[in-house]
Amino acid sequence: MNKRWAPIILIAILLLVACGQKGLAEPVTLLDHEKKEVTFPPEKPTVFFFLTTYT
């Protein structure tokens, strides 16, 4: 990566993080691979991963 682009990218990331929400207003519900609903509560921080395959 060109050294001139690194500060611009870092400033853009900092701006996006600063303007983001502090938390979720409502729970997030997703479907897992077995078509079951999985709900992530807004009270606690949660890390989830998306693994996708295209066959």
PDB file of N, CA and C in Angstrom:
ATOM      1  N   MET A   1       0.849  -1.173   0.000  1.00  0.00           N
ATOM      2  CA  MET A   1       0.000   0.000   0.000  1.00  0.00           C
ATOM      3  C   MET A   1       0.895   1.236   0.000  1.00  0.00           C
ATOM      4  N   ASN A   2       0.497   2.194  -0.725  1.00  0.00           N
ATOM      5  CA  ASN A   2       1.236   3.438  -0.791  1.00  0.00           C
ATOM      6  C   ASN A   2       1.167   4.149   0.563  1.00  0.00           C
ATOM      7  N   LYS A   3       2.289   4.700   1.017  1.00  0.00           N
ATOM      8  CA  LYS A   3       2.331   5.343   2.332  1.00  0.00           C
ATOM      9  C   LYS A   3       1.460   6.588   2.402  1.00  0.00           C
ATOM     10  N   ARG A   4       1.132   7.172   1.280  1.00  0.00           N
ATOM     11  CA  ARG A   4       0.268   8.365   1.278  1.00  0.00           C
ATOM     12  C   ARG A   4      -1.180   8.014   1.595  1.00  0.00           C
ATOM     13  N   TRP A   5      -1.605   6.792   1.269  1.00  0.00           N
ATOM     14  CA  TRP A   5      -2.991   6.392   1.497  1.00  0.00           C
ATOM     15  C   TRP A   5      -3.260   5.954   2.933  1.00  0.00           C
ATOM     16  N   ALA A   6      -2.267   5.510   3.651  1.00  0.00           N
ATOM     17  CA  ALA A   6      -2.454   4.998   5.012  1.00  0.00           C
ATOM     18  C   ALA A   6      -3.083   6.037   5.947  1.00  0.00           C
ATOM     19  N   PRO A   7      -2.611   7.292   6.009  1.00  0.00           N
ATOM     20  CA  PRO A   7      -3.258   8.260   6.904  1.00  0.00           C
ATOM     21  C   PRO A   7      -4.697   8.579   6.496  1.00  0.00           C
ATOM     22  N   ILE A   8      -4.970   8.589   5.207  1.00  0.00           N
ATOM     23  CA  ILE A   8      -6.338   8.865   4.746  1.00  0.00           C
ATOM     24  C   ILE A   8      -7.276   7.740   5.165  1.00  0.00           C
ATOM     25  N   ILE A   9      -6.828   6.509   5.032  1.00  0.00           N
ATOM     26  CA  ILE A   9      -7.655   5.368   5.437  1.00  0.00           C
ATOM     27  C   ILE A   9      -7.865   5.367   6.945  1.00  0.00           C
ATOM     28  N   LEU A  10      -6.825   5.646   7.707  1.00  0.00           N
ATOM     29  CA  LEU A  10      -6.960   5.688   9.169  1.00  0.00           C
ATOM     30  C   LEU A  10      -7.902   6.799   9.623  1.00  0.00           C
ATOM     31  N   ILE A  11      -7.850   7.948   8.998  1.00  0.00           N
ATOM     32  CA  ILE A  11      -8.768   9.042   9.337  1.00  0.00           C
ATOM     33  C   ILE A  11     -10.195   8.662   8.992  1.00  0.00           C
ATOM     34  N   ALA A  12     -10.407   8.002   7.863  1.00  0.00           N
ATOM     35  CA  ALA A  12     -11.752   7.569   7.473  1.00  0.00           C
ATOM     36  C   ALA A  12     -12.302   6.551   8.473  1.00  0.00           C
ATOM     37  N   ILE A  13     -11.482   5.598   8.900  1.00  0.00           N
ATOM     38  CA  ILE A  13     -11.920   4.608   9.888  1.00  0.00           C
ATOM     39  C   ILE A  13     -12.249   5.290  11.211  1.00  0.00           C
ATOM     40  N   LEU A  14     -11.417   6.211  11.641  1.00  0.00           N
ATOM     41  CA  LEU A  14     -11.668   6.938  12.883  1.00  0.00           C
ATOM     42  C   LEU A  14     -12.976   7.719  12.807  1.00  0.00           C
ATOM     43  N   LEU A  15     -13.242   8.341  11.694  1.00  0.00           N
ATOM     44  CA  LEU A  15     -14.482   9.097  11.508  1.00  0.00           C
ATOM     45  C   LEU A  15     -15.700   8.182  11.556  1.00  0.00           C
ATOM     46  N   LEU A  16     -15.616   7.025  10.910  1.00  0.00           N
ATOM     47  CA  LEU A  16     -16.737   6.086  10.933  1.00  0.00           C
ATOM     48  C   LEU A  16     -16.999   5.546  12.334  1.00  0.00           C
ATOM     49  N   VAL A  17     -15.940   5.271  13.071  1.00  0.00           N
ATOM     50  CA  VAL A  17     -16.096   4.763  14.444  1.00  0.00           C
ATOM     51  C   VAL A  17     -16.694   5.846  15.342  1.00  0.00           C
ATOM     52  N   ALA A  18     -16.261   7.083  15.179  1.00  0.00           N
ATOM     53  CA  ALA A  18     -16.743   8.179  16.027  1.00  0.00           C
ATOM     54  C   ALA A  18     -18.207   8.491  15.767  1.00  0.00           C
ATOM     55  N   CYS A  19     -18.678   8.288  14.550  1.00  0.00           N
ATOM     56  CA  CYS A  19     -20.062   8.611  14.199  1.00  0.00           C
ATOM     57  C   CYS A  19     -21.006   7.435  14.389  1.00  0.00           C
ATOM     58  N   GLY A  20     -20.510   6.296  14.816  1.00  0.00           N
ATOM     59  CA  GLY A  20     -21.341   5.105  14.966  1.00  0.00           C
ATOM     60  C   GLY A  20     -22.219   5.159  16.202  1.00  0.00           C
ATOM     61  N   GLN A  21     -23.124   4.215  16.273  1.00  0.00           N
ATOM     62  CA  GLN A  21     -24.032   4.111  17.410  1.00  0.00           C
ATOM     63  C   GLN A  21     -23.294   3.553  18.618  1.00  0.00           C
ATOM     64  N   LYS A  22     -23.753   3.923  19.806  1.00  0.00           N
ATOM     65  CA  LYS A  22     -23.179   3.380  21.039  1.00  0.00           C
ATOM     66  C   LYS A  22     -23.730   1.998  21.342  1.00  0.00           C
ATOM     67  N   GLY A  23     -24.937   1.714  20.890  1.00  0.00           N
ATOM     68  CA  GLY A  23     -25.547   0.419  21.153  1.00  0.00           C
ATOM     69  C   GLY A  23     -26.726   0.200  20.226  1.00  0.00           C
ATOM     70  N   LEU A  24     -27.332  -0.966  20.358  1.00  0.00           N
ATOM     71  CA  LEU A  24     -28.487  -1.295  19.537  1.00  0.00           C
ATOM     72  C   LEU A  24     -29.766  -0.937  20.263  1.00  0.00           C
ATOM     73  N   ALA A  25     -30.763  -0.508  19.527  1.00  0.00           N
ATOM     74  CA  ALA A  25     -32.046  -0.167  20.127  1.00  0.00           C
ATOM     75  C   ALA A  25     -32.906  -1.408  20.326  1.00  0.00           C
ATOM     76  N   GLU A  26     -32.725  -2.419  19.482  1.00  0.00           N
ATOM     77  CA  GLU A  26     -33.513  -3.641  19.580  1.00  0.00           C
ATOM     78  C   GLU A  26     -32.622  -4.838  19.264  1.00  0.00           C
ATOM     79  N   PRO A  27     -33.037  -6.033  19.668  1.00  0.00           N
ATOM     80  CA  PRO A  27     -32.209  -7.217  19.411  1.00  0.00           C
ATOM     81  C   PRO A  27     -32.093  -7.514  17.915  1.00  0.00           C
ATOM     82  N   VAL A  28     -30.979  -8.141  17.537  1.00  0.00           N
ATOM     83  CA  VAL A  28     -30.743  -8.547  16.153  1.00  0.00           C
ATOM     84  C   VAL A  28     -31.052 -10.033  16.047  1.00  0.00           C
ATOM     85  N   THR A  29     -31.890 -10.409  15.071  1.00  0.00           N
ATOM     86  CA  THR A  29     -32.259 -11.801  14.870  1.00  0.00           C
ATOM     87  C   THR A  29     -31.775 -12.251  13.500  1.00  0.00           C
ATOM     88  N   LEU A  30     -31.041 -13.356  13.484  1.00  0.00           N
ATOM     89  CA  LEU A  30     -30.512 -13.933  12.248  1.00  0.00           C
ATOM     90  C   LEU A  30     -30.916 -15.394  12.166  1.00  0.00           C
ATOM     91  N   LEU A  31     -30.790 -15.985  10.979  1.00  0.00           N
ATOM     92  CA  LEU A  31     -31.043 -17.407  10.794  1.00  0.00           C
ATOM     93  C   LEU A  31     -29.715 -18.144  10.718  1.00  0.00           C
ATOM     94  N   ASP A  32     -29.633 -19.291  11.414  1.00  0.00           N
ATOM     95  CA  ASP A  32     -28.418 -20.087  11.317  1.00  0.00           C
ATOM     96  C   ASP A  32     -28.538 -21.072  10.147  1.00  0.00           C
ATOM     97  N   HIS A  33     -27.569 -21.971  10.021  1.00  0.00           N
ATOM     98  CA  HIS A  33     -27.545 -22.891   8.890  1.00  0.00           C
ATOM     99  C   HIS A  33     -28.666 -23.917   8.916  1.00  0.00           C
ATOM    100  N   GLU A  34     -29.310 -24.092  10.065  1.00  0.00           N
ATOM    101  CA  GLU A  34     -30.436 -25.016  10.177  1.00  0.00           C
ATOM    102  C   GLU A  34     -31.774 -24.294  10.127  1.00  0.00           C
ATOM    103  N   LYS A  35     -31.757 -23.046   9.704  1.00  0.00           N
ATOM    104  CA  LYS A  35     -32.947 -22.188   9.566  1.00  0.00           C
ATOM    105  C   LYS A  35     -33.625 -21.913  10.908  1.00  0.00           C
ATOM    106  N   LYS A  36     -32.849 -21.929  11.988  1.00  0.00           N
ATOM    107  CA  LYS A  36     -33.353 -21.565  13.310  1.00  0.00           C
ATOM    108  C   LYS A  36     -32.991 -20.113  13.574  1.00  0.00           C
ATOM    109  N   GLU A  37     -33.873 -19.405  14.256  1.00  0.00           N
ATOM    110  CA  GLU A  37     -33.602 -18.005  14.582  1.00  0.00           C
ATOM    111  C   GLU A  37     -32.653 -17.903  15.770  1.00  0.00           C
ATOM    112  N   VAL A  38     -31.662 -17.044  15.637  1.00  0.00           N
ATOM    113  CA  VAL A  38     -30.706 -16.769  16.706  1.00  0.00           C
ATOM    114  C   VAL A  38     -30.796 -15.279  17.000  1.00  0.00           C
ATOM    115  N   THR A  39     -31.036 -14.920  18.266  1.00  0.00           N
ATOM    116  CA  THR A  39     -31.198 -13.524  18.653  1.00  0.00           C
ATOM    117  C   THR A  39     -30.017 -13.083  19.486  1.00  0.00           C
ATOM    118  N   PHE A  40     -29.463 -11.926  19.120  1.00  0.00           N
ATOM    119  CA  PHE A  40     -28.368 -11.323  19.874  1.00  0.00           C
ATOM    120  C   PHE A  40     -28.937 -10.181  20.698  1.00  0.00           C
ATOM    121  N   PRO A  41     -28.825 -10.250  22.032  1.00  0.00           N
ATOM    122  CA  PRO A  41     -29.385  -9.196  22.883  1.00  0.00           C
ATOM    123  C   PRO A  41     -28.580  -7.899  22.781  1.00  0.00           C
ATOM    124  N   PRO A  42     -29.246  -6.747  22.893  1.00  0.00           N
ATOM    125  CA  PRO A  42     -28.527  -5.474  22.802  1.00  0.00           C
ATOM    126  C   PRO A  42     -27.815  -5.075  24.095  1.00  0.00           C
ATOM    127  N   GLU A  43     -28.086  -5.757  25.210  1.00  0.00           N
ATOM    128  CA  GLU A  43     -27.508  -5.359  26.495  1.00  0.00           C
ATOM    129  C   GLU A  43     -26.028  -5.694  26.603  1.00  0.00           C
ATOM    130  N   LYS A  44     -25.621  -6.832  26.024  1.00  0.00           N
ATOM    131  CA  LYS A  44     -24.242  -7.286  26.162  1.00  0.00           C
ATOM    132  C   LYS A  44     -23.520  -7.188  24.824  1.00  0.00           C
ATOM    133  N   PRO A  45     -22.228  -6.908  24.849  1.00  0.00           N
ATOM    134  CA  PRO A  45     -21.472  -6.937  23.596  1.00  0.00           C
ATOM    135  C   PRO A  45     -21.369  -8.367  23.071  1.00  0.00           C
ATOM    136  N   THR A  46     -21.533  -8.541  21.781  1.00  0.00           N
ATOM    137  CA  THR A  46     -21.536  -9.862  21.177  1.00  0.00           C
ATOM    138  C   THR A  46     -20.688  -9.853  19.916  1.00  0.00           C
ATOM    139  N   VAL A  47     -19.913 -10.915  19.731  1.00  0.00           N
ATOM    140  CA  VAL A  47     -19.144 -11.092  18.508  1.00  0.00           C
ATOM    141  C   VAL A  47     -19.742 -12.292  17.780  1.00  0.00           C
ATOM    142  N   PHE A  48     -20.076 -12.114  16.512  1.00  0.00           N
ATOM    143  CA  PHE A  48     -20.565 -13.234  15.735  1.00  0.00           C
ATOM    144  C   PHE A  48     -19.888 -13.228  14.374  1.00  0.00           C
ATOM    145  N   PHE A  49     -19.787 -14.415  13.790  1.00  0.00           N
ATOM    146  CA  PHE A  49     -19.067 -14.593  12.534  1.00  0.00           C
ATOM    147  C   PHE A  49     -20.036 -15.073  11.464  1.00  0.00           C
ATOM    148  N   PHE A  50     -19.842 -14.589  10.246  1.00  0.00           N
ATOM    149  CA  PHE A  50     -20.599 -15.071   9.104  1.00  0.00           C
ATOM    150  C   PHE A  50     -19.673 -15.916   8.243  1.00  0.00           C
ATOM    151  N   LEU A  51     -20.002 -17.166   8.104  1.00  0.00           N
ATOM    152  CA  LEU A  51     -19.277 -18.046   7.201  1.00  0.00           C
ATOM    153  C   LEU A  51     -20.224 -18.389   6.067  1.00  0.00           C
ATOM    154  N   THR A  52     -19.858 -18.078   4.878  1.00  0.00           N
ATOM    155  CA  THR A  52     -20.736 -18.341   3.752  1.00  0.00           C
ATOM    156  C   THR A  52     -20.021 -19.224   2.748  1.00  0.00           C
ATOM    157  N   THR A  53     -20.805 -20.002   2.033  1.00  0.00           N
ATOM    158  CA  THR A  53     -20.269 -20.804   0.949  1.00  0.00           C
ATOM    159  C   THR A  53     -21.158 -20.588  -0.262  1.00  0.00           C
ATOM    160  N   TYR A  54     -20.534 -20.558  -1.401  1.00  0.00           N
ATOM    161  CA  TYR A  54     -21.265 -20.422  -2.655  1.00  0.00           C
ATOM    162  C   TYR A  54     -20.999 -21.675  -3.471  1.00  0.00           C
ATOM    163  N   THR A  55     -22.001 -22.519  -3.544  1.00  0.00           N
ATOM    164  CA  THR A  55     -21.812 -23.766  -4.300  1.00  0.00           C
ATOM    165  C   THR A  55     -22.793 -23.837  -5.428  1.00  0.00           C
TER     166      THR A  55
END
